[in-house]
Every structure is written in C-alpha cells, then in structure tokens.
All heavy atoms as atom14 arrays in JSON, in Angstrom:
{
  "sequence": "ICPLVAPVRSLLDTAQIPYTYIDITEDEDGRQHVLQINNGNETVPT",
  "atom14_mask": [
    [1, 1, 1, 1, 1, 1, 1, 1, 0, 0, 0, 0, 0, 0],
    [1, 1, 1, 1, 1, 1, 0, 0, 0, 0, 0, 0, 0, 0],
    [1, 1, 1, 1, 1, 1, 1, 0, 0, 0, 0, 0, 0, 0],
    [1, 1, 1, 1, 1, 1, 1, 1, 0, 0, 0, 0, 0, 0],
    [1, 1, 1, 1, 1, 1, 1, 0, 0, 0, 0, 0, 0, 0],
    [1, 1, 1, 1, 1, 0, 0, 0, 0, 0, 0, 0, 0, 0],
    [1, 1, 1, 1, 1, 1, 1, 0, 0, 0, 0, 0, 0, 0],
    [1, 1, 1, 1, 1, 1, 1, 0, 0, 0, 0, 0, 0, 0],
    [1, 1, 1, 1, 1, 1, 1, 1, 1, 1, 1, 0, 0, 0],
    [1, 1, 1, 1, 1, 1, 0, 0, 0, 0, 0, 0, 0, 0],
    [1, 1, 1, 1, 1, 1, 1, 1, 0, 0, 0, 0, 0, 0],
    [1, 1, 1, 1, 1, 1, 1, 1, 0, 0, 0, 0, 0, 0],
    [1, 1, 1, 1, 1, 1, 1, 1, 0, 0, 0, 0, 0, 0],
    [1, 1, 1, 1, 1, 1, 1, 0, 0, 0, 0, 0, 0, 0],
    [1, 1, 1, 1, 1, 0, 0, 0, 0, 0, 0, 0, 0, 0],
    [1, 1, 1, 1, 1, 1, 1, 1, 1, 0, 0, 0, 0, 0],
    [1, 1, 1, 1, 1, 1, 1, 1, 0, 0, 0, 0, 0, 0],
    [1, 1, 1, 1, 1, 1, 1, 0, 0, 0, 0, 0, 0, 0],
    [1, 1, 1, 1, 1, 1, 1, 1, 1, 1, 1, 1, 0, 0],
    [1, 1, 1, 1, 1, 1, 1, 0, 0, 0, 0, 0, 0, 0],
    [1, 1, 1, 1, 1, 1, 1, 1, 1, 1, 1, 1, 0, 0],
    [1, 1, 1, 1, 1, 1, 1, 1, 0, 0, 0, 0, 0, 0],
    [1, 1, 1, 1, 1, 1, 1, 1, 0, 0, 0, 0, 0, 0],
    [1, 1, 1, 1, 1, 1, 1, 1, 0, 0, 0, 0, 0, 0],
    [1, 1, 1, 1, 1, 1, 1, 0, 0, 0, 0, 0, 0, 0],
    [1, 1, 1, 1, 1, 1, 1, 1, 1, 0, 0, 0, 0, 0],
    [1, 1, 1, 1, 1, 1, 1, 1, 0, 0, 0, 0, 0, 0],
    [1, 1, 1, 1, 1, 1, 1, 1, 1, 0, 0, 0, 0, 0],
    [1, 1, 1, 1, 1, 1, 1, 1, 0, 0, 0, 0, 0, 0],
    [1, 1, 1, 1, 0, 0, 0, 0, 0, 0, 0, 0, 0, 0],
    [1, 1, 1, 1, 1, 1, 1, 1, 1, 1, 1, 0, 0, 0],
    [1, 1, 1, 1, 1, 1, 1, 1, 1, 0, 0, 0, 0, 0],
    [1, 1, 1, 1, 1, 1, 1, 1, 1, 1, 0, 0, 0, 0],
    [1, 1, 1, 1, 1, 1, 1, 0, 0, 0, 0, 0, 0, 0],
    [1, 1, 1, 1, 1, 1, 1, 1, 0, 0, 0, 0, 0, 0],
    [1, 1, 1, 1, 1, 1, 1, 1, 1, 0, 0, 0, 0, 0],
    [1, 1, 1, 1, 1, 1, 1, 1, 0, 0, 0, 0, 0, 0],
    [1, 1, 1, 1, 1, 1, 1, 1, 0, 0, 0, 0, 0, 0],
    [1, 1, 1, 1, 1, 1, 1, 1, 0, 0, 0, 0, 0, 0],
    [1, 1, 1, 1, 0, 0, 0, 0, 0, 0, 0, 0, 0, 0],
    [1, 1, 1, 1, 1, 1, 1, 1, 0, 0, 0, 0, 0, 0],
    [1, 1, 1, 1, 1, 1, 1, 1, 1, 0, 0, 0, 0, 0],
    [1, 1, 1, 1, 1, 1, 1, 0, 0, 0, 0, 0, 0, 0],
    [1, 1, 1, 1, 1, 1, 1, 0, 0, 0, 0, 0, 0, 0],
    [1, 1, 1, 1, 1, 1, 1, 0, 0, 0, 0, 0, 0, 0],
    [1, 1, 1, 1, 1, 1, 1, 0, 0, 0, 0, 0, 0, 0]
  ],
  "atom14_positions": [
    [[328.91, 25.11, 177.51], [330.06, 24.31, 177.14], [329.87, 22.79, 177.38], [330.74, 22.04, 176.94], [331.33, 24.82, 177.86], [331.19, 24.67, 179.33], [331.65, 26.23, 177.46], [332.51, 24.84, 180.1], [0.0, 0.0, 0.0], [0.0, 0.0, 0.0], [0.0, 0.0, 0.0], [0.0, 0.0, 0.0], [0.0, 0.0, 0.0], [0.0, 0.0, 0.0]],
    [[328.8, 22.41, 177.99], [328.59, 20.93, 178.2], [328.15, 20.27, 176.93], [327.11, 20.63, 176.37], [327.57, 20.73, 179.29], [327.26, 18.97, 179.56], [0.0, 0.0, 0.0], [0.0, 0.0, 0.0], [0.0, 0.0, 0.0], [0.0, 0.0, 0.0], [0.0, 0.0, 0.0], [0.0, 0.0, 0.0], [0.0, 0.0, 0.0], [0.0, 0.0, 0.0]],
    [[328.92, 19.29, 176.47], [328.53, 18.6, 175.21], [327.31, 17.68, 175.34], [326.71, 17.27, 174.31], [329.78, 17.77, 174.85], [330.45, 17.57, 176.19], [330.17, 18.73, 177.05], [0.0, 0.0, 0.0], [0.0, 0.0, 0.0], [0.0, 0.0, 0.0], [0.0, 0.0, 0.0], [0.0, 0.0, 0.0], [0.0, 0.0, 0.0], [0.0, 0.0, 0.0]],
    [[326.83, 17.41, 176.51], [325.71, 16.59, 176.68], [324.35, 17.37, 176.66], [323.3, 16.71, 176.48], [325.79, 15.8, 177.99], [327.0, 14.88, 178.17], [327.02, 14.27, 179.57], [327.04, 13.84, 177.13], [0.0, 0.0, 0.0], [0.0, 0.0, 0.0], [0.0, 0.0, 0.0], [0.0, 0.0, 0.0], [0.0, 0.0, 0.0], [0.0, 0.0, 0.0]],
    [[324.43, 18.65, 176.81], [323.22, 19.44, 176.87], [322.55, 19.54, 175.48], [321.35, 19.44, 175.35], [323.5, 20.87, 177.47], [322.3, 21.75, 177.31], [323.9, 20.77, 178.94], [0.0, 0.0, 0.0], [0.0, 0.0, 0.0], [0.0, 0.0, 0.0], [0.0, 0.0, 0.0], [0.0, 0.0, 0.0], [0.0, 0.0, 0.0], [0.0, 0.0, 0.0]],
    [[323.39, 19.78, 174.44], [322.82, 19.99, 173.08], [322.0, 18.78, 172.6], [320.87, 18.99, 172.06], [323.92, 20.31, 172.09], [0.0, 0.0, 0.0], [0.0, 0.0, 0.0], [0.0, 0.0, 0.0], [0.0, 0.0, 0.0], [0.0, 0.0, 0.0], [0.0, 0.0, 0.0], [0.0, 0.0, 0.0], [0.0, 0.0, 0.0], [0.0, 0.0, 0.0]],
    [[322.43, 17.5, 172.77], [321.66, 16.42, 172.33], [320.31, 16.28, 173.11], [319.29, 15.96, 172.52], [322.46, 15.19, 172.6], [323.87, 15.69, 172.63], [323.77, 17.06, 173.16], [0.0, 0.0, 0.0], [0.0, 0.0, 0.0], [0.0, 0.0, 0.0], [0.0, 0.0, 0.0], [0.0, 0.0, 0.0], [0.0, 0.0, 0.0], [0.0, 0.0, 0.0]],
    [[320.3, 16.58, 174.36], [319.07, 16.53, 175.16], [318.08, 17.61, 174.65], [316.92, 17.29, 174.34], [319.35, 16.8, 176.63], [318.03, 17.04, 177.43], [320.08, 15.59, 177.21], [0.0, 0.0, 0.0], [0.0, 0.0, 0.0], [0.0, 0.0, 0.0], [0.0, 0.0, 0.0], [0.0, 0.0, 0.0], [0.0, 0.0, 0.0], [0.0, 0.0, 0.0]],
    [[318.57, 18.84, 174.45], [317.71, 19.91, 173.96], [317.25, 19.61, 172.52], [316.08, 19.89, 172.21], [318.41, 21.21, 174.01], [318.7, 21.67, 175.47], [319.29, 23.04, 175.52], [318.28, 24.03, 175.18], [318.6, 25.31, 174.98], [319.81, 25.77, 175.13], [317.63, 26.18, 174.65], [0.0, 0.0, 0.0], [0.0, 0.0, 0.0], [0.0, 0.0, 0.0]],
    [[318.07, 19.02, 171.69], [317.69, 18.68, 170.36], [316.58, 17.63, 170.32], [315.63, 17.78, 169.58], [318.92, 18.16, 169.59], [318.54, 17.8, 168.28], [0.0, 0.0, 0.0], [0.0, 0.0, 0.0], [0.0, 0.0, 0.0], [0.0, 0.0, 0.0], [0.0, 0.0, 0.0], [0.0, 0.0, 0.0], [0.0, 0.0, 0.0], [0.0, 0.0, 0.0]],
    [[316.66, 16.63, 171.17], [315.63, 15.61, 171.25], [314.29, 16.27, 171.67], [313.26, 16.01, 171.12], [315.99, 14.51, 172.25], [314.9, 13.44, 172.5], [314.6, 12.67, 171.21], [315.31, 12.55, 173.63], [0.0, 0.0, 0.0], [0.0, 0.0, 0.0], [0.0, 0.0, 0.0], [0.0, 0.0, 0.0], [0.0, 0.0, 0.0], [0.0, 0.0, 0.0]],
    [[314.34, 17.11, 172.7], [313.15, 17.79, 173.17], [312.55, 18.71, 172.11], [311.33, 18.72, 171.87], [313.42, 18.54, 174.48], [313.8, 17.73, 175.66], [314.25, 18.64, 176.84], [312.7, 16.81, 176.14], [0.0, 0.0, 0.0], [0.0, 0.0, 0.0], [0.0, 0.0, 0.0], [0.0, 0.0, 0.0], [0.0, 0.0, 0.0], [0.0, 0.0, 0.0]],
    [[313.43, 19.42, 171.41], [312.97, 20.35, 170.37], [312.33, 19.53, 169.23], [311.26, 19.92, 168.71], [314.15, 21.18, 169.8], [314.6, 22.22, 170.78], [313.81, 22.63, 171.68], [315.75, 22.69, 170.62], [0.0, 0.0, 0.0], [0.0, 0.0, 0.0], [0.0, 0.0, 0.0], [0.0, 0.0, 0.0], [0.0, 0.0, 0.0], [0.0, 0.0, 0.0]],
    [[313.0, 18.48, 168.78], [312.52, 17.69, 167.67], [311.12, 17.05, 168.0], [310.27, 17.0, 167.14], [313.53, 16.57, 167.29], [314.75, 17.25, 166.99], [313.03, 15.71, 166.1], [0.0, 0.0, 0.0], [0.0, 0.0, 0.0], [0.0, 0.0, 0.0], [0.0, 0.0, 0.0], [0.0, 0.0, 0.0], [0.0, 0.0, 0.0], [0.0, 0.0, 0.0]],
    [[311.01, 16.6, 169.25], [309.71, 15.96, 169.64], [308.69, 17.01, 170.04], [307.56, 16.66, 170.36], [310.0, 15.02, 170.8], [0.0, 0.0, 0.0], [0.0, 0.0, 0.0], [0.0, 0.0, 0.0], [0.0, 0.0, 0.0], [0.0, 0.0, 0.0], [0.0, 0.0, 0.0], [0.0, 0.0, 0.0], [0.0, 0.0, 0.0], [0.0, 0.0, 0.0]],
    [[309.02, 18.28, 169.94], [308.21, 19.44, 170.31], [307.7, 19.28, 171.74], [306.5, 19.42, 172.04], [307.05, 19.58, 169.3], [307.54, 19.96, 167.94], [306.44, 20.21, 166.95], [305.34, 19.59, 167.01], [306.64, 21.13, 166.02], [0.0, 0.0, 0.0], [0.0, 0.0, 0.0], [0.0, 0.0, 0.0], [0.0, 0.0, 0.0], [0.0, 0.0, 0.0]],
    [[308.56, 18.91, 172.64], [308.23, 18.8, 174.03], [308.56, 20.11, 174.72], [309.74, 20.62, 174.67], [309.0, 17.62, 174.69], [308.59, 16.31, 174.06], [308.78, 17.62, 176.18], [309.35, 15.12, 174.49], [0.0, 0.0, 0.0], [0.0, 0.0, 0.0], [0.0, 0.0, 0.0], [0.0, 0.0, 0.0], [0.0, 0.0, 0.0], [0.0, 0.0, 0.0]],
    [[307.57, 20.74, 175.37], [307.87, 22.05, 175.98], [308.83, 21.88, 177.15], [308.71, 20.95, 177.99], [306.51, 22.51, 176.47], [305.69, 21.3, 176.53], [306.23, 20.29, 175.58], [0.0, 0.0, 0.0], [0.0, 0.0, 0.0], [0.0, 0.0, 0.0], [0.0, 0.0, 0.0], [0.0, 0.0, 0.0], [0.0, 0.0, 0.0], [0.0, 0.0, 0.0]],
    [[309.81, 22.81, 177.28], [310.77, 22.76, 178.36], [311.28, 24.14, 178.56], [311.16, 25.03, 177.69], [311.9, 21.76, 178.13], [312.85, 22.18, 177.05], [314.04, 22.91, 177.33], [312.6, 21.89, 175.67], [314.92, 23.25, 176.31], [313.44, 22.25, 174.66], [314.64, 22.91, 175.02], [315.49, 23.29, 174.0], [0.0, 0.0, 0.0], [0.0, 0.0, 0.0]],
    [[311.84, 24.41, 179.75], [312.49, 25.64, 180.07], [313.95, 25.34, 180.3], [314.34, 24.37, 180.97], [311.91, 26.26, 181.36], [310.52, 26.52, 181.16], [312.61, 27.51, 181.74], [0.0, 0.0, 0.0], [0.0, 0.0, 0.0], [0.0, 0.0, 0.0], [0.0, 0.0, 0.0], [0.0, 0.0, 0.0], [0.0, 0.0, 0.0], [0.0, 0.0, 0.0]],
    [[314.8, 26.09, 179.59], [316.27, 25.86, 179.7], [316.78, 26.93, 180.67], [316.52, 28.11, 180.52], [316.93, 26.0, 178.36], [318.5, 25.91, 178.46], [319.11, 24.76, 178.8], [319.2, 27.05, 178.31], [320.45, 24.67, 178.9], [320.6, 27.01, 178.4], [321.25, 25.79, 178.64], [322.57, 25.74, 178.84], [0.0, 0.0, 0.0], [0.0, 0.0, 0.0]],
    [[317.58, 26.5, 181.63], [318.24, 27.38, 182.54], [319.78, 27.13, 182.48], [320.24, 26.02, 182.76], [317.7, 27.17, 183.99], [316.21, 27.51, 184.03], [318.47, 28.04, 185.02], [315.57, 27.23, 185.36], [0.0, 0.0, 0.0], [0.0, 0.0, 0.0], [0.0, 0.0, 0.0], [0.0, 0.0, 0.0], [0.0, 0.0, 0.0], [0.0, 0.0, 0.0]],
    [[320.48, 28.21, 182.15], [321.95, 28.18, 182.06], [322.44, 28.49, 183.44], [322.3, 29.62, 184.0], [322.39, 29.23, 181.06], [323.92, 29.32, 180.93], [324.65, 28.72, 181.76], [324.42, 29.98, 179.99], [0.0, 0.0, 0.0], [0.0, 0.0, 0.0], [0.0, 0.0, 0.0], [0.0, 0.0, 0.0], [0.0, 0.0, 0.0], [0.0, 0.0, 0.0]],
    [[323.06, 27.45, 184.16], [323.48, 27.67, 185.53], [324.71, 28.56, 185.61], [325.08, 28.95, 186.73], [323.68, 26.3, 186.18], [324.86, 25.54, 185.58], [322.44, 25.49, 186.19], [325.31, 24.34, 186.48], [0.0, 0.0, 0.0], [0.0, 0.0, 0.0], [0.0, 0.0, 0.0], [0.0, 0.0, 0.0], [0.0, 0.0, 0.0], [0.0, 0.0, 0.0]],
    [[325.31, 28.91, 184.47], [326.43, 29.85, 184.63], [325.85, 31.32, 184.67], [326.64, 32.23, 185.04], [327.4, 29.8, 183.37], [326.73, 30.13, 182.2], [327.97, 28.41, 183.22], [0.0, 0.0, 0.0], [0.0, 0.0, 0.0], [0.0, 0.0, 0.0], [0.0, 0.0, 0.0], [0.0, 0.0, 0.0], [0.0, 0.0, 0.0], [0.0, 0.0, 0.0]],
    [[324.59, 31.48, 184.42], [323.98, 32.8, 184.49], [322.83, 32.87, 185.51], [322.37, 33.98, 185.8], [323.5, 33.21, 183.09], [324.54, 33.32, 182.03], [323.92, 33.73, 180.71], [322.68, 33.86, 180.54], [324.72, 33.89, 179.76], [0.0, 0.0, 0.0], [0.0, 0.0, 0.0], [0.0, 0.0, 0.0], [0.0, 0.0, 0.0], [0.0, 0.0, 0.0]],
    [[322.46, 31.81, 186.11], [321.35, 31.78, 186.97], [321.79, 31.11, 188.27], [321.86, 29.85, 188.36], [320.19, 31.02, 186.36], [318.91, 31.05, 187.2], [318.98, 30.75, 188.37], [317.88, 31.38, 186.65], [0.0, 0.0, 0.0], [0.0, 0.0, 0.0], [0.0, 0.0, 0.0], [0.0, 0.0, 0.0], [0.0, 0.0, 0.0], [0.0, 0.0, 0.0]],
    [[322.09, 31.88, 189.34], [322.56, 31.39, 190.59], [321.59, 30.45, 191.33], [321.96, 29.46, 191.9], [323.05, 32.51, 191.53], [323.6, 32.05, 192.81], [324.88, 31.16, 192.7], [325.62, 31.29, 191.66], [325.15, 30.37, 193.57], [0.0, 0.0, 0.0], [0.0, 0.0, 0.0], [0.0, 0.0, 0.0], [0.0, 0.0, 0.0], [0.0, 0.0, 0.0]],
    [[320.3, 30.8, 191.25], [319.25, 29.93, 191.83], [319.24, 28.55, 191.11], [319.18, 27.52, 191.82], [317.86, 30.56, 191.72], [317.73, 31.82, 192.68], [318.5, 31.88, 193.64], [316.81, 32.59, 192.42], [0.0, 0.0, 0.0], [0.0, 0.0, 0.0], [0.0, 0.0, 0.0], [0.0, 0.0, 0.0], [0.0, 0.0, 0.0], [0.0, 0.0, 0.0]],
    [[319.36, 28.59, 189.83], [319.41, 27.34, 189.08], [320.69, 26.5, 189.4], [320.61, 25.32, 189.64], [0.0, 0.0, 0.0], [0.0, 0.0, 0.0], [0.0, 0.0, 0.0], [0.0, 0.0, 0.0], [0.0, 0.0, 0.0], [0.0, 0.0, 0.0], [0.0, 0.0, 0.0], [0.0, 0.0, 0.0], [0.0, 0.0, 0.0], [0.0, 0.0, 0.0]],
    [[321.82, 27.23, 189.55], [323.1, 26.54, 189.93], [322.9, 25.87, 191.34], [323.33, 24.75, 191.52], [324.21, 27.54, 189.9], [325.56, 26.97, 190.32], [326.59, 28.08, 190.26], [327.77, 27.64, 190.98], [327.96, 27.64, 192.3], [326.96, 28.08, 193.06], [329.03, 27.2, 192.82], [0.0, 0.0, 0.0], [0.0, 0.0, 0.0], [0.0, 0.0, 0.0]],
    [[322.3, 26.62, 192.25], [322.14, 26.08, 193.61], [321.19, 24.85, 193.59], [321.44, 23.92, 194.36], [321.61, 27.2, 194.58], [322.61, 28.22, 194.87], [323.87, 27.71, 195.53], [323.81, 26.81, 196.4], [325.03, 28.23, 195.14], [0.0, 0.0, 0.0], [0.0, 0.0, 0.0], [0.0, 0.0, 0.0], [0.0, 0.0, 0.0], [0.0, 0.0, 0.0]],
    [[320.19, 24.9, 192.76], [319.23, 23.82, 192.66], [319.98, 22.56, 192.12], [319.76, 21.46, 192.64], [318.05, 24.2, 191.81], [316.92, 23.26, 191.87], [316.13, 23.12, 193.05], [316.35, 22.4, 190.99], [315.19, 22.23, 192.82], [315.36, 21.77, 191.59], [0.0, 0.0, 0.0], [0.0, 0.0, 0.0], [0.0, 0.0, 0.0], [0.0, 0.0, 0.0]],
    [[320.77, 22.72, 191.12], [321.59, 21.61, 190.58], [322.55, 21.07, 191.63], [322.66, 19.86, 191.75], [322.37, 22.04, 189.28], [323.35, 21.02, 188.87], [321.37, 22.32, 188.12], [0.0, 0.0, 0.0], [0.0, 0.0, 0.0], [0.0, 0.0, 0.0], [0.0, 0.0, 0.0], [0.0, 0.0, 0.0], [0.0, 0.0, 0.0], [0.0, 0.0, 0.0]],
    [[323.19, 21.93, 192.35], [324.05, 21.44, 193.42], [323.31, 20.65, 194.42], [323.83, 19.59, 194.95], [324.73, 22.67, 194.13], [325.79, 23.46, 193.34], [326.18, 24.71, 193.99], [326.99, 22.59, 193.07], [0.0, 0.0, 0.0], [0.0, 0.0, 0.0], [0.0, 0.0, 0.0], [0.0, 0.0, 0.0], [0.0, 0.0, 0.0], [0.0, 0.0, 0.0]],
    [[322.11, 21.1, 194.79], [321.32, 20.39, 195.77], [320.9, 19.02, 195.32], [321.01, 17.97, 196.01], [320.1, 21.22, 196.15], [319.16, 20.56, 197.19], [317.92, 21.35, 197.38], [317.61, 22.31, 196.61], [317.18, 21.0, 198.41], [0.0, 0.0, 0.0], [0.0, 0.0, 0.0], [0.0, 0.0, 0.0], [0.0, 0.0, 0.0], [0.0, 0.0, 0.0]],
    [[320.51, 18.92, 194.03], [320.03, 17.65, 193.45], [321.19, 16.67, 193.28], [321.03, 15.45, 193.48], [319.39, 17.9, 192.06], [318.07, 18.66, 192.26], [319.13, 16.6, 191.33], [317.5, 19.23, 190.94], [0.0, 0.0, 0.0], [0.0, 0.0, 0.0], [0.0, 0.0, 0.0], [0.0, 0.0, 0.0], [0.0, 0.0, 0.0], [0.0, 0.0, 0.0]],
    [[322.38, 17.18, 192.91], [323.52, 16.33, 192.64], [324.56, 16.28, 193.67], [325.78, 16.24, 193.33], [324.13, 16.78, 191.24], [323.1, 16.63, 190.15], [322.48, 15.55, 189.96], [322.82, 17.71, 189.39], [0.0, 0.0, 0.0], [0.0, 0.0, 0.0], [0.0, 0.0, 0.0], [0.0, 0.0, 0.0], [0.0, 0.0, 0.0], [0.0, 0.0, 0.0]],
    [[324.19, 16.34, 194.9], [325.12, 16.17, 196.02], [326.32, 17.13, 195.97], [327.46, 16.66, 196.19], [325.59, 14.68, 196.1], [324.43, 13.73, 196.34], [323.53, 14.01, 197.12], [324.4, 12.67, 195.57], [0.0, 0.0, 0.0], [0.0, 0.0, 0.0], [0.0, 0.0, 0.0], [0.0, 0.0, 0.0], [0.0, 0.0, 0.0], [0.0, 0.0, 0.0]],
    [[326.07, 18.36, 195.66], [327.16, 19.33, 195.64], [327.87, 19.46, 194.32], [328.84, 20.21, 194.23], [0.0, 0.0, 0.0], [0.0, 0.0, 0.0], [0.0, 0.0, 0.0], [0.0, 0.0, 0.0], [0.0, 0.0, 0.0], [0.0, 0.0, 0.0], [0.0, 0.0, 0.0], [0.0, 0.0, 0.0], [0.0, 0.0, 0.0], [0.0, 0.0, 0.0]],
    [[327.44, 18.71, 193.31], [328.11, 18.74, 192.03], [327.3, 19.56, 191.0], [326.06, 19.44, 190.97], [328.36, 17.32, 191.5], [329.24, 16.52, 192.38], [330.33, 16.91, 192.68], [328.73, 15.42, 192.83], [0.0, 0.0, 0.0], [0.0, 0.0, 0.0], [0.0, 0.0, 0.0], [0.0, 0.0, 0.0], [0.0, 0.0, 0.0], [0.0, 0.0, 0.0]],
    [[327.99, 20.28, 190.19], [327.36, 21.08, 189.11], [327.21, 20.19, 187.86], [327.66, 20.55, 186.79], [328.21, 22.33, 188.73], [328.12, 23.39, 189.79], [328.88, 24.63, 189.39], [329.22, 24.82, 188.22], [329.02, 25.49, 190.29], [0.0, 0.0, 0.0], [0.0, 0.0, 0.0], [0.0, 0.0, 0.0], [0.0, 0.0, 0.0], [0.0, 0.0, 0.0]],
    [[326.63, 19.02, 187.96], [326.48, 18.13, 186.94], [325.28, 18.43, 186.03], [324.13, 18.56, 186.52], [326.3, 16.65, 187.49], [327.33, 16.44, 188.5], [326.45, 15.6, 186.43], [0.0, 0.0, 0.0], [0.0, 0.0, 0.0], [0.0, 0.0, 0.0], [0.0, 0.0, 0.0], [0.0, 0.0, 0.0], [0.0, 0.0, 0.0], [0.0, 0.0, 0.0]],
    [[325.56, 18.6, 184.71], [324.53, 18.92, 183.82], [324.69, 18.05, 182.54], [325.83, 17.53, 182.31], [324.53, 20.4, 183.39], [324.14, 21.28, 184.56], [325.85, 20.83, 182.83], [0.0, 0.0, 0.0], [0.0, 0.0, 0.0], [0.0, 0.0, 0.0], [0.0, 0.0, 0.0], [0.0, 0.0, 0.0], [0.0, 0.0, 0.0], [0.0, 0.0, 0.0]],
    [[323.67, 17.8, 181.8], [322.37, 18.33, 181.99], [321.64, 17.62, 183.19], [321.78, 16.43, 183.36], [321.64, 18.02, 180.69], [322.32, 16.85, 180.12], [323.73, 16.96, 180.55], [0.0, 0.0, 0.0], [0.0, 0.0, 0.0], [0.0, 0.0, 0.0], [0.0, 0.0, 0.0], [0.0, 0.0, 0.0], [0.0, 0.0, 0.0], [0.0, 0.0, 0.0]],
    [[320.9, 18.42, 183.9], [320.0, 17.95, 184.94], [318.56, 18.29, 184.52], [318.35, 19.51, 184.21], [320.36, 18.52, 186.33], [321.66, 18.04, 186.67], [319.37, 18.11, 187.36], [0.0, 0.0, 0.0], [0.0, 0.0, 0.0], [0.0, 0.0, 0.0], [0.0, 0.0, 0.0], [0.0, 0.0, 0.0], [0.0, 0.0, 0.0], [0.0, 0.0, 0.0]]
  ]
}
C-alpha cells in the first residue's frame, strides 16, 4: 500500500538492476530489520 515503493521498483526494473523485494507485512524478519534501521519506524521503501 505504500505509494513510494512502486516508483522505486519501477526504476530498478527499467534499469534491469537485480534486487530482492521483501513485503514487510508478510515477512516478520524483514519488518524487524526495517524497524532496526529506521529507529523503530516501519518506514518504507527501505
């Protein structure tokens, strides 16, 4: 649901840059990693 994620992924896709996408609503380890990086905030895209 984050409107900022799609443009980031689109740029990476268009430039054919390899990346792994992790949906933090479905991946608890990913969510915890985002919280750690962003001082307790679920701020995405990270």
